[in-house]
Amino acid sequence: MTGPDHLDLRRAVIAACRALNRRGLTPGRSGNVSVRVPEGFLITGSGIAYETMRPEHVVAMDLDGGYRGAVLPSSEWRMHLDLMRTRPEVQAVVHTHSPHATALSCLRIDIPAFHYMVAVAGGPDIRCAAYATFGTAALSRAMLAAMEGRSACLLANHGVVAVGASLAEAVARAAEVETLARQYWIARTLGQPVVLDEAEMAVVLARFRSYGQQRQENDPHAIEMPVRRDQPRRANRRTTRAGPR
């Protein structure tokens, strides 16, 4: 008898869930994780504690909304399906109930550009989606609207959705949204944070596109680089013309 397909990815999903749980981003059995595969995507099973989750508890789904196996997919499978189906660049989806982000979602407010790292969600703010009952198509529609041009959003009275080009990126983005939510919460207790204007956030977003990449010539938004010391200096070579001696 053969084991489940995509075994390494199934284990990676479980590892991501446990990492989120250890960091307090998915209290109890809350939240869910998915990753794209050629046949569709793999998603965490419904109501299974992360510490006891095994590869066979990670459910295979296709992009038509079907699943295989005896384990039910997460109740929020539709959000994952709709993101995978409409956003081909998305390779992984993470949904959390992280404390500070969820608290802000209960106020139904967007997180503005109080800090330049808000750009991690792909725009000048982190939107809060309109409220809809969990596990419904209405919630998925609200989420898709808030995610337009974004890679993360809050879900009103619910939590966070974050996507990435990899499972690690989606997990890191969900964690960063929680960090920003906590910082914004603290700032709001002290006063009204100063929000960066649209022009500055446009510069920040342009810089984010080249962050961690090799500097491109003539890129006005590229981050200034220090001088690299371990490269040999280029010798001045004189060009001579061949001719009779």
Protein backbone atom coordinates (compact mmCIF):
# COMPACT_ATOMS: atom_id res chain seq x y z
CA MET A 1 0.00 0.00 0.00
CA THR A 2 1.44 3.37 -1.03
CA GLY A 3 1.44 6.41 1.20
CA PRO A 4 -0.16 9.78 0.45
CA ASP A 5 1.11 11.77 -2.52
CA HIS A 6 3.27 14.88 -2.09
CA LEU A 7 4.51 13.56 1.25
CA ASP A 8 7.22 16.22 1.65
CA LEU A 9 4.73 19.03 1.05
CA ARG A 10 2.25 17.49 3.47
CA ARG A 11 4.96 17.43 6.13
CA ALA A 12 5.85 21.02 5.30
CA VAL A 13 2.22 22.07 5.81
CA ILE A 14 2.18 20.36 9.23
CA ALA A 15 5.49 21.99 10.17
CA ALA A 16 4.11 25.39 9.18
CA CYS A 17 0.98 24.84 11.28
CA ARG A 18 3.03 23.87 14.32
CA ALA A 19 5.33 26.86 13.86
CA LEU A 20 2.32 29.20 13.70
CA ASN A 21 0.90 27.53 16.80
CA ARG A 22 4.15 27.90 18.76
CA ARG A 23 4.23 31.61 17.92
CA GLY A 24 0.69 32.09 19.19
CA LEU A 25 -0.69 32.96 15.76
CA THR A 26 -3.15 30.07 15.60
CA PRO A 27 -4.44 29.50 19.15
CA GLY A 28 -5.93 26.05 19.77
CA ARG A 29 -7.13 24.51 16.53
CA SER A 30 -7.78 27.82 14.80
CA GLY A 31 -6.41 28.79 11.42
CA ASN A 32 -5.53 26.73 8.36
CA VAL A 33 -2.76 26.39 5.78
CA SER A 34 -2.63 25.33 2.14
CA VAL A 35 0.01 24.89 -0.55
CA ARG A 36 -0.37 24.54 -4.32
CA VAL A 37 0.34 21.26 -6.14
CA PRO A 38 -0.09 20.44 -9.86
CA GLU A 39 -3.47 18.79 -9.21
CA GLY A 40 -4.81 21.70 -7.13
CA PHE A 41 -3.72 22.23 -3.53
CA LEU A 42 -3.19 20.55 -0.18
CA ILE A 43 -5.01 21.97 2.85
CA THR A 44 -5.17 21.15 6.53
CA GLY A 45 -8.00 18.88 7.63
CA SER A 46 -10.95 20.17 9.64
CA GLY A 47 -10.78 20.22 13.45
CA ILE A 48 -7.51 18.30 13.81
CA ALA A 49 -5.08 19.45 16.51
CA TYR A 50 -1.76 20.46 14.99
CA GLU A 51 0.30 18.44 17.46
CA THR A 52 -1.44 15.22 16.38
CA MET A 53 -1.73 16.03 12.67
CA ARG A 54 -0.25 13.44 10.31
CA PRO A 55 0.37 13.60 6.54
CA GLU A 56 -2.92 11.80 5.80
CA HIS A 57 -4.78 14.60 7.66
CA VAL A 58 -3.65 17.08 4.99
CA VAL A 59 -6.38 16.98 2.34
CA ALA A 60 -5.89 17.06 -1.43
CA MET A 61 -8.34 19.33 -3.27
CA ASP A 62 -8.76 20.21 -6.92
CA LEU A 63 -9.54 23.66 -8.32
CA ASP A 64 -13.14 22.66 -9.00
CA GLY A 65 -13.84 22.31 -5.27
CA GLY A 66 -13.53 18.54 -4.92
CA TYR A 67 -11.47 16.63 -2.39
CA ARG A 68 -10.15 13.11 -1.94
CA GLY A 69 -9.93 10.92 1.14
CA ALA A 70 -11.87 10.34 4.36
CA VAL A 71 -10.74 13.56 6.10
CA LEU A 72 -12.79 16.71 5.57
CA PRO A 73 -10.84 19.79 4.47
CA SER A 74 -10.77 22.90 6.65
CA SER A 75 -14.08 24.72 6.91
CA GLU A 76 -12.36 27.68 5.22
CA TRP A 77 -11.41 25.66 2.14
CA ARG A 78 -13.33 28.04 -0.11
CA MET A 79 -11.05 31.00 0.67
CA HIS A 80 -8.03 28.89 -0.22
CA LEU A 81 -9.72 27.57 -3.37
CA ASP A 82 -10.71 31.03 -4.61
CA LEU A 83 -7.24 32.45 -4.01
CA MET A 84 -5.57 29.52 -5.76
CA ARG A 85 -8.02 29.72 -8.65
CA THR A 86 -7.89 33.50 -9.23
CA ARG A 87 -4.29 34.26 -8.26
CA PRO A 88 -1.91 32.01 -10.22
CA GLU A 89 1.11 33.59 -8.54
CA VAL A 90 -0.10 32.39 -5.13
CA GLN A 91 1.62 29.17 -4.07
CA ALA A 92 0.50 29.08 -0.43
CA VAL A 93 -2.23 30.52 1.79
CA VAL A 94 -2.12 30.99 5.57
CA HIS A 95 -5.15 31.91 7.68
CA THR A 96 -4.60 32.81 11.34
CA HIS A 97 -6.49 34.09 14.36
CA SER A 98 -3.46 35.96 15.70
CA PRO A 99 -4.42 38.05 18.77
CA HIS A 100 -3.65 41.68 17.86
CA ALA A 101 -4.66 41.42 14.21
CA THR A 102 -7.89 39.71 15.20
CA ALA A 103 -8.57 42.39 17.82
CA LEU A 104 -8.17 45.10 15.16
CA SER A 105 -10.43 43.12 12.83
CA CYS A 106 -13.12 43.27 15.51
CA LEU A 107 -12.92 47.07 15.26
CA ARG A 108 -13.29 46.63 11.49
CA ILE A 109 -10.52 49.06 10.67
CA ASP A 110 -7.77 48.97 8.08
CA ILE A 111 -4.17 49.19 9.23
CA PRO A 112 -2.85 52.41 7.66
CA ALA A 113 0.73 53.23 6.66
CA PHE A 114 1.79 54.09 10.22
CA HIS A 115 4.98 52.10 9.47
CA TYR A 116 6.61 51.50 6.12
CA MET A 117 6.52 47.72 6.67
CA VAL A 118 2.77 47.84 5.97
CA ALA A 119 4.01 47.47 2.38
CA VAL A 120 4.65 43.79 3.17
CA ALA A 121 0.97 43.29 2.31
CA GLY A 122 1.49 44.75 -1.15
CA GLY A 123 -0.07 48.20 -0.79
CA PRO A 124 -0.24 51.43 1.25
CA ASP A 125 -2.51 49.82 3.85
CA ILE A 126 -3.75 46.45 5.09
CA ARG A 127 -7.46 46.31 4.39
CA CYS A 128 -10.11 44.77 6.61
CA ALA A 129 -12.62 42.71 4.62
CA ALA A 130 -16.34 43.14 5.20
CA TYR A 131 -17.86 40.74 7.70
CA ALA A 132 -19.41 37.44 6.64
CA THR A 133 -20.05 34.16 8.48
CA PHE A 134 -17.04 31.83 8.62
CA GLY A 135 -16.84 29.04 6.06
CA THR A 136 -19.20 30.72 3.58
CA ALA A 137 -18.91 31.83 -0.02
CA ALA A 138 -19.84 35.33 1.17
CA LEU A 139 -16.72 35.42 3.35
CA SER A 140 -14.57 34.33 0.43
CA ARG A 141 -16.02 37.07 -1.78
CA ALA A 142 -15.36 39.70 0.90
CA MET A 143 -11.84 38.38 1.33
CA LEU A 144 -11.12 38.52 -2.41
CA ALA A 145 -12.25 42.15 -2.54
CA ALA A 146 -9.94 43.10 0.34
CA MET A 147 -7.08 41.13 -1.24
CA GLU A 148 -7.26 42.91 -4.60
CA GLY A 149 -3.73 44.16 -5.23
CA ARG A 150 -2.69 42.82 -1.83
CA SER A 151 -0.97 39.79 -0.35
CA ALA A 152 -2.64 39.97 3.09
CA CYS A 153 -5.79 41.32 4.70
CA LEU A 154 -7.79 41.25 7.91
CA LEU A 155 -11.15 39.47 8.08
CA ALA A 156 -13.72 41.40 10.11
CA ASN A 157 -14.33 39.82 13.55
CA HIS A 158 -12.25 36.85 12.46
CA GLY A 159 -8.53 37.02 11.71
CA VAL A 160 -5.94 37.27 8.93
CA VAL A 161 -5.31 35.83 5.47
CA ALA A 162 -1.84 35.98 3.92
CA VAL A 163 -0.47 34.52 0.70
CA GLY A 164 3.00 33.92 -0.67
CA ALA A 165 5.08 32.59 -3.53
CA SER A 166 6.08 29.83 -1.12
CA LEU A 167 4.83 28.33 2.12
CA ALA A 168 7.64 30.02 4.04
CA GLU A 169 6.77 33.41 2.55
CA ALA A 170 3.07 33.09 3.41
CA VAL A 171 3.90 32.10 7.01
CA ALA A 172 6.36 34.99 7.35
CA ARG A 173 3.83 37.46 5.94
CA ALA A 174 1.11 36.33 8.37
CA ALA A 175 3.59 36.76 11.23
CA GLU A 176 4.55 40.24 10.00
CA VAL A 177 0.90 41.30 9.85
CA GLU A 178 0.52 40.30 13.50
CA THR A 179 3.66 42.26 14.41
CA LEU A 180 2.32 45.34 12.62
CA ALA A 181 -1.08 44.95 14.26
CA ARG A 182 0.57 44.84 17.68
CA GLN A 183 2.68 47.91 16.91
CA TYR A 184 -0.34 49.81 15.62
CA TRP A 185 -2.32 48.80 18.70
CA ILE A 186 0.43 50.14 20.99
CA ALA A 187 0.77 53.35 18.99
CA ARG A 188 -2.98 53.94 19.16
CA THR A 189 -2.90 53.65 22.97
CA LEU A 190 -0.38 56.51 23.08
CA GLY A 191 -2.03 58.77 20.54
CA GLN A 192 -2.80 59.06 16.85
CA PRO A 193 0.06 57.63 14.76
CA VAL A 194 1.51 59.74 11.97
CA VAL A 195 0.60 58.03 8.70
CA LEU A 196 3.05 58.04 5.79
CA ASP A 197 1.59 59.73 2.72
CA GLU A 198 0.84 58.09 -0.62
CA ALA A 199 3.96 59.48 -2.29
CA GLU A 200 6.26 57.99 0.34
CA MET A 201 4.48 54.64 0.28
CA ALA A 202 4.81 54.56 -3.51
CA VAL A 203 8.59 54.88 -3.04
CA VAL A 204 8.55 52.19 -0.33
CA LEU A 205 6.57 49.79 -2.50
CA ALA A 206 8.97 50.35 -5.40
CA ARG A 207 11.89 49.59 -3.10
CA PHE A 208 10.18 46.45 -1.82
CA ARG A 209 10.08 45.12 -5.36
CA SER A 210 13.90 45.09 -5.49
CA TYR A 211 14.49 44.25 -1.82
CA GLY A 212 17.03 41.46 -1.43
CA GLN A 213 17.80 41.48 -5.17
CA GLN A 214 20.91 42.54 -7.03
CA ARG A 215 20.91 46.26 -7.75
CA GLN A 216 19.69 47.13 -11.23
CA GLU A 217 21.33 49.91 -13.17
CA ASN A 218 19.33 53.13 -13.49
CA ASP A 219 16.80 52.04 -10.86
CA PRO A 220 15.98 55.24 -8.91
CA HIS A 221 14.31 53.24 -6.14
CA ALA A 222 17.05 50.68 -5.58
CA ILE A 223 18.41 50.54 -2.06
CA GLU A 224 21.86 52.14 -1.83
CA MET A 225 24.54 49.48 -1.60
CA PRO A 226 27.87 49.67 0.23
CA VAL A 227 31.13 49.06 -1.61
CA ARG A 228 32.02 45.40 -1.96
CA ARG A 229 35.60 44.82 -0.81
CA ASP A 230 36.28 41.24 -1.88
CA GLN A 231 36.06 41.80 -5.64
CA PRO A 232 39.37 42.28 -7.47
CA ARG A 233 39.85 45.65 -9.04
CA ARG A 234 39.70 45.72 -12.79
CA ALA A 235 43.08 46.41 -14.32
CA ASN A 236 43.32 49.18 -16.86
CA ARG A 237 43.94 47.44 -20.13
CA ARG A 238 45.42 49.30 -23.05
CA THR A 239 44.05 48.42 -26.43
CA THR A 240 46.69 48.11 -29.11
CA ARG A 241 46.31 47.61 -32.80
CA ALA A 242 47.95 44.67 -34.40
CA GLY A 243 50.34 45.56 -37.20
CA PRO A 244 53.64 44.81 -38.76
CA ARG A 245 56.68 45.16 -36.53
